[in-house]
């Protein structure tokens, strides 16, 4: 009986030490092994071709903590981060064609945008990036005689840090 108790205790201690070691490994200040990036595609749906359509990618980073304010019951004042400090001036802008022209929807423009976007995404895949999420949205007033709006699509990527 004492022998079974000792074996059980040793097994339990080994199991617990493995659990504690896994928590310790997860909580160390190791640098991140994965990096993330995104592309944003903005496609204008303004008639007559007067809108602007682009693929945008930031070429510099920002530390979100510099622009974050924790709100509380005691301190609920506004976030005083300056827009000019947040703004990124180094970014890549790839021109796309607008979805409309004077005659209405321009399917050749849609196909051209698909070809340019496919080229950009394939280049990123060749650089070791992996698509992890694609999110899209439409912004438009949609009221009477609404003629303005955009399609916005964000592509999120990850890869092992080099």
C-alpha atoms as a PDB file:
ATOM      1  CA  UNK A   1       0.000   0.000   0.000  1.00  0.00           C
ATOM      2  CA  UNK A   2       2.824   2.402   0.924  1.00  0.00           C
ATOM      3  CA  UNK A   3       4.551   1.554  -2.359  1.00  0.00           C
ATOM      4  CA  UNK A   4       1.434   2.479  -4.409  1.00  0.00           C
ATOM      5  CA  UNK A   5       1.101   5.720  -2.427  1.00  0.00           C
ATOM      6  CA  UNK A   6       4.733   6.658  -3.141  1.00  0.00           C
ATOM      7  CA  UNK A   7       4.378   5.890  -6.856  1.00  0.00           C
ATOM      8  CA  UNK A   8       1.173   7.939  -7.000  1.00  0.00           C
ATOM      9  CA  UNK A   9       2.837  10.873  -5.218  1.00  0.00           C
ATOM     10  CA  UNK A  10       5.881  10.803  -7.531  1.00  0.00           C
ATOM     11  CA  UNK A  11       3.623  10.701 -10.590  1.00  0.00           C
ATOM     12  CA  UNK A  12       1.505  13.579  -9.243  1.00  0.00           C
ATOM     13  CA  UNK A  13       4.618  15.672  -8.493  1.00  0.00           C
ATOM     14  CA  UNK A  14       5.981  15.035 -11.998  1.00  0.00           C
ATOM     15  CA  UNK A  15       2.655  16.027 -13.523  1.00  0.00           C
ATOM     16  CA  UNK A  16       2.429  19.189 -11.420  1.00  0.00           C
ATOM     17  CA  UNK A  17       6.016  20.187 -12.192  1.00  0.00           C
ATOM     18  CA  UNK A  18       5.276  19.776 -15.906  1.00  0.00           C
ATOM     19  CA  UNK A  19       2.216  21.999 -15.576  1.00  0.00           C
ATOM     20  CA  UNK A  20       4.166  24.660 -13.648  1.00  0.00           C
ATOM     21  CA  UNK A  21       7.036  24.532 -16.151  1.00  0.00           C
ATOM     22  CA  UNK A  22       4.603  25.131 -19.021  1.00  0.00           C
ATOM     23  CA  UNK A  23       3.193  28.208 -17.250  1.00  0.00           C
ATOM     24  CA  UNK A  24       6.692  29.508 -16.590  1.00  0.00           C
ATOM     25  CA  UNK A  25       7.679  29.052 -20.238  1.00  0.00           C
ATOM     26  CA  UNK A  26       4.558  30.866 -21.374  1.00  0.00           C
ATOM     27  CA  UNK A  27       5.091  33.813 -19.029  1.00  0.00           C
ATOM     28  CA  UNK A  28       8.756  34.569 -19.742  1.00  0.00           C
ATOM     29  CA  UNK A  29       9.684  37.742 -21.548  1.00  0.00           C
ATOM     30  CA  UNK A  30      10.817  35.935 -24.690  1.00  0.00           C
ATOM     31  CA  UNK A  31      10.611  38.079 -27.795  1.00  0.00           C
ATOM     32  CA  UNK A  32       7.701  37.312 -30.098  1.00  0.00           C
ATOM     33  CA  UNK A  33       8.536  34.670 -32.664  1.00  0.00           C
ATOM     34  CA  UNK A  34       5.840  35.789 -35.082  1.00  0.00           C
ATOM     35  CA  UNK A  35       5.330  39.110 -36.819  1.00  0.00           C
ATOM     36  CA  UNK A  36       2.116  40.450 -38.300  1.00  0.00           C
ATOM     37  CA  UNK A  37       1.301  42.899 -41.069  1.00  0.00           C
ATOM     38  CA  UNK A  38      -1.689  44.008 -43.062  1.00  0.00           C
ATOM     39  CA  UNK A  39      -2.743  45.392 -46.416  1.00  0.00           C
ATOM     40  CA  UNK A  40      -5.779  47.610 -46.779  1.00  0.00           C
ATOM     41  CA  UNK A  41      -7.593  47.773 -50.106  1.00  0.00           C
ATOM     42  CA  UNK A  42      -9.836  50.798 -50.621  1.00  0.00           C
ATOM     43  CA  UNK A  43     -12.038  50.700 -53.711  1.00  0.00           C
ATOM     44  CA  UNK A  44     -14.111  53.741 -54.574  1.00  0.00           C
ATOM     45  CA  UNK A  45     -17.727  53.342 -55.606  1.00  0.00           C
ATOM     46  CA  UNK A  46     -18.137  57.002 -56.551  1.00  0.00           C
ATOM     47  CA  UNK A  47     -19.627  57.326 -60.042  1.00  0.00           C
ATOM     48  CA  UNK A  48     -17.836  58.980 -62.962  1.00  0.00           C
ATOM     49  CA  UNK A  49     -14.452  57.644 -61.888  1.00  0.00           C
ATOM     50  CA  UNK A  50     -13.703  60.588 -59.599  1.00  0.00           C
ATOM     51  CA  UNK A  51     -12.962  58.455 -56.526  1.00  0.00           C
ATOM     52  CA  UNK A  52      -9.579  57.044 -55.517  1.00  0.00           C
ATOM     53  CA  UNK A  53      -8.844  53.328 -55.146  1.00  0.00           C
ATOM     54  CA  UNK A  54      -5.615  52.048 -53.581  1.00  0.00           C
ATOM     55  CA  UNK A  55      -3.776  49.235 -51.815  1.00  0.00           C
ATOM     56  CA  UNK A  56      -2.144  50.709 -48.702  1.00  0.00           C
ATOM     57  CA  UNK A  57       0.541  49.199 -46.464  1.00  0.00           C
ATOM     58  CA  UNK A  58       2.292  51.020 -43.622  1.00  0.00           C
ATOM     59  CA  UNK A  59       6.092  50.883 -43.803  1.00  0.00           C
ATOM     60  CA  UNK A  60       6.631  51.995 -40.222  1.00  0.00           C
ATOM     61  CA  UNK A  61       5.178  50.800 -36.959  1.00  0.00           C
ATOM     62  CA  UNK A  62       3.416  52.431 -34.086  1.00  0.00           C
ATOM     63  CA  UNK A  63       3.292  51.424 -30.409  1.00  0.00           C
ATOM     64  CA  UNK A  64      -0.393  51.386 -29.554  1.00  0.00           C
ATOM     65  CA  UNK A  65       0.370  52.047 -25.866  1.00  0.00           C
ATOM     66  CA  UNK A  66       1.511  55.583 -26.713  1.00  0.00           C
ATOM     67  CA  UNK A  67      -2.014  56.386 -27.939  1.00  0.00           C
ATOM     68  CA  UNK A  68      -4.051  54.391 -25.434  1.00  0.00           C
ATOM     69  CA  UNK A  69      -5.803  55.767 -22.367  1.00  0.00           C
ATOM     70  CA  UNK A  70      -7.364  53.493 -19.783  1.00  0.00           C
ATOM     71  CA  UNK A  71     -10.748  54.845 -18.747  1.00  0.00           C
ATOM     72  CA  UNK A  72     -12.045  54.375 -15.229  1.00  0.00           C
ATOM     73  CA  UNK A  73     -14.777  55.708 -13.022  1.00  0.00           C
ATOM     74  CA  UNK A  74     -12.255  58.076 -11.435  1.00  0.00           C
ATOM     75  CA  UNK A  75     -10.532  59.095 -14.682  1.00  0.00           C
ATOM     76  CA  UNK A  76     -12.837  59.229 -17.665  1.00  0.00           C
ATOM     77  CA  UNK A  77     -11.327  62.256 -19.436  1.00  0.00           C
ATOM     78  CA  UNK A  78     -10.684  62.165 -23.143  1.00  0.00           C
ATOM     79  CA  UNK A  79      -7.675  60.554 -24.795  1.00  0.00           C
ATOM     80  CA  UNK A  80      -5.351  63.462 -25.625  1.00  0.00           C
ATOM     81  CA  UNK A  81      -3.202  61.673 -28.206  1.00  0.00           C
ATOM     82  CA  UNK A  82      -2.389  63.957 -31.119  1.00  0.00           C
ATOM     83  CA  UNK A  83      -3.491  62.816 -34.573  1.00  0.00           C
ATOM     84  CA  UNK A  84      -0.246  64.072 -36.092  1.00  0.00           C
ATOM     85  CA  UNK A  85       1.751  61.765 -33.787  1.00  0.00           C
ATOM     86  CA  UNK A  86      -0.325  58.746 -34.822  1.00  0.00           C
ATOM     87  CA  UNK A  87      -0.276  59.482 -38.557  1.00  0.00           C
ATOM     88  CA  UNK A  88       2.076  57.310 -40.634  1.00  0.00           C
ATOM     89  CA  UNK A  89       3.901  59.163 -43.394  1.00  0.00           C
ATOM     90  CA  UNK A  90       5.902  56.216 -44.727  1.00  0.00           C
ATOM     91  CA  UNK A  91       3.564  53.862 -46.518  1.00  0.00           C
ATOM     92  CA  UNK A  92       3.274  52.030 -49.776  1.00  0.00           C
ATOM     93  CA  UNK A  93       0.421  53.081 -52.063  1.00  0.00           C
ATOM     94  CA  UNK A  94      -0.509  50.971 -55.081  1.00  0.00           C
ATOM     95  CA  UNK A  95      -2.955  52.590 -57.459  1.00  0.00           C
ATOM     96  CA  UNK A  96      -6.097  50.688 -58.393  1.00  0.00           C
ATOM     97  CA  UNK A  97      -8.849  51.564 -60.834  1.00  0.00           C
ATOM     98  CA  UNK A  98     -12.230  52.816 -59.669  1.00  0.00           C
ATOM     99  CA  UNK A  99     -15.182  50.457 -59.920  1.00  0.00           C
ATOM    100  CA  UNK A 100     -17.309  53.008 -61.814  1.00  0.00           C
ATOM    101  CA  UNK A 101     -16.774  55.281 -64.778  1.00  0.00           C
ATOM    102  CA  UNK A 102     -19.139  57.564 -66.723  1.00  0.00           C
ATOM    103  CA  UNK A 103     -20.985  54.525 -68.105  1.00  0.00           C
ATOM    104  CA  UNK A 104     -21.492  52.784 -64.746  1.00  0.00           C
ATOM    105  CA  UNK A 105     -19.815  49.676 -63.366  1.00  0.00           C
ATOM    106  CA  UNK A 106     -16.565  48.965 -65.227  1.00  0.00           C
ATOM    107  CA  UNK A 107     -15.950  45.202 -65.136  1.00  0.00           C
ATOM    108  CA  UNK A 108     -12.536  45.591 -66.788  1.00  0.00           C
ATOM    109  CA  UNK A 109     -11.503  47.763 -63.844  1.00  0.00           C
ATOM    110  CA  UNK A 110     -12.643  45.084 -61.392  1.00  0.00           C
ATOM    111  CA  UNK A 111     -10.625  42.453 -63.282  1.00  0.00           C
ATOM    112  CA  UNK A 112      -7.600  44.780 -63.360  1.00  0.00           C
ATOM    113  CA  UNK A 113      -7.844  45.387 -59.599  1.00  0.00           C
ATOM    114  CA  UNK A 114      -8.070  41.635 -59.014  1.00  0.00           C
ATOM    115  CA  UNK A 115      -4.924  41.100 -61.114  1.00  0.00           C
ATOM    116  CA  UNK A 116      -2.954  43.790 -59.231  1.00  0.00           C
ATOM    117  CA  UNK A 117      -4.129  42.535 -55.833  1.00  0.00           C
ATOM    118  CA  UNK A 118      -3.351  38.933 -56.763  1.00  0.00           C
ATOM    119  CA  UNK A 119       0.155  40.007 -57.761  1.00  0.00           C
ATOM    120  CA  UNK A 120       0.651  41.821 -54.417  1.00  0.00           C
ATOM    121  CA  UNK A 121      -0.653  38.924 -52.324  1.00  0.00           C
ATOM    122  CA  UNK A 122       1.450  36.394 -54.270  1.00  0.00           C
ATOM    123  CA  UNK A 123       4.540  38.545 -53.660  1.00  0.00           C
ATOM    124  CA  UNK A 124       3.812  38.525 -49.924  1.00  0.00           C
ATOM    125  CA  UNK A 125       3.306  34.752 -49.918  1.00  0.00           C
ATOM    126  CA  UNK A 126       6.674  34.395 -51.682  1.00  0.00           C
ATOM    127  CA  UNK A 127       8.210  36.519 -48.879  1.00  0.00           C
ATOM    128  CA  UNK A 128       6.995  33.962 -46.319  1.00  0.00           C
ATOM    129  CA  UNK A 129       3.794  35.684 -45.207  1.00  0.00           C
ATOM    130  CA  UNK A 130       0.679  33.611 -44.552  1.00  0.00           C
ATOM    131  CA  UNK A 131      -2.844  35.054 -44.816  1.00  0.00           C
ATOM    132  CA  UNK A 132      -4.613  34.630 -41.500  1.00  0.00           C
ATOM    133  CA  UNK A 133      -7.701  36.785 -41.991  1.00  0.00           C
ATOM    134  CA  UNK A 134      -9.555  38.828 -44.587  1.00  0.00           C
ATOM    135  CA  UNK A 135     -12.172  41.322 -43.402  1.00  0.00           C
ATOM    136  CA  UNK A 136     -14.309  43.549 -45.567  1.00  0.00           C
ATOM    137  CA  UNK A 137     -16.646  46.471 -45.054  1.00  0.00           C
ATOM    138  CA  UNK A 138     -18.704  48.910 -47.066  1.00  0.00           C
ATOM    139  CA  UNK A 139     -19.122  52.529 -46.118  1.00  0.00           C
ATOM    140  CA  UNK A 140     -21.967  54.429 -47.710  1.00  0.00           C
ATOM    141  CA  UNK A 141     -24.694  56.801 -46.631  1.00  0.00           C
ATOM    142  CA  UNK A 142     -27.249  54.870 -48.704  1.00  0.00           C
ATOM    143  CA  UNK A 143     -29.838  57.610 -48.421  1.00  0.00           C
ATOM    144  CA  UNK A 144     -31.796  59.137 -51.260  1.00  0.00           C
ATOM    145  CA  UNK A 145     -29.574  59.825 -54.271  1.00  0.00           C
ATOM    146  CA  UNK A 146     -26.485  58.526 -52.457  1.00  0.00           C
ATOM    147  CA  UNK A 147     -23.531  58.497 -54.834  1.00  0.00           C
ATOM    148  CA  UNK A 148     -20.590  58.085 -52.470  1.00  0.00           C
ATOM    149  CA  UNK A 149     -19.000  55.113 -50.786  1.00  0.00           C
ATOM    150  CA  UNK A 150     -16.060  52.776 -50.515  1.00  0.00           C
ATOM    151  CA  UNK A 151     -15.332  49.077 -50.219  1.00  0.00           C
ATOM    152  CA  UNK A 152     -12.603  48.435 -47.682  1.00  0.00           C
ATOM    153  CA  UNK A 153     -10.867  45.072 -47.348  1.00  0.00           C
ATOM    154  CA  UNK A 154      -8.118  44.281 -44.851  1.00  0.00           C
ATOM    155  CA  UNK A 155      -5.772  41.371 -45.374  1.00  0.00           C
ATOM    156  CA  UNK A 156      -3.885  40.238 -42.248  1.00  0.00           C
ATOM    157  CA  UNK A 157      -0.678  38.220 -42.570  1.00  0.00           C
ATOM    158  CA  UNK A 158       1.792  36.519 -40.235  1.00  0.00           C
ATOM    159  CA  UNK A 159       5.213  34.906 -40.581  1.00  0.00           C
ATOM    160  CA  UNK A 160       8.045  33.708 -38.405  1.00  0.00           C
ATOM    161  CA  UNK A 161      10.350  36.580 -37.434  1.00  0.00           C
ATOM    162  CA  UNK A 162      13.609  36.650 -39.321  1.00  0.00           C
END
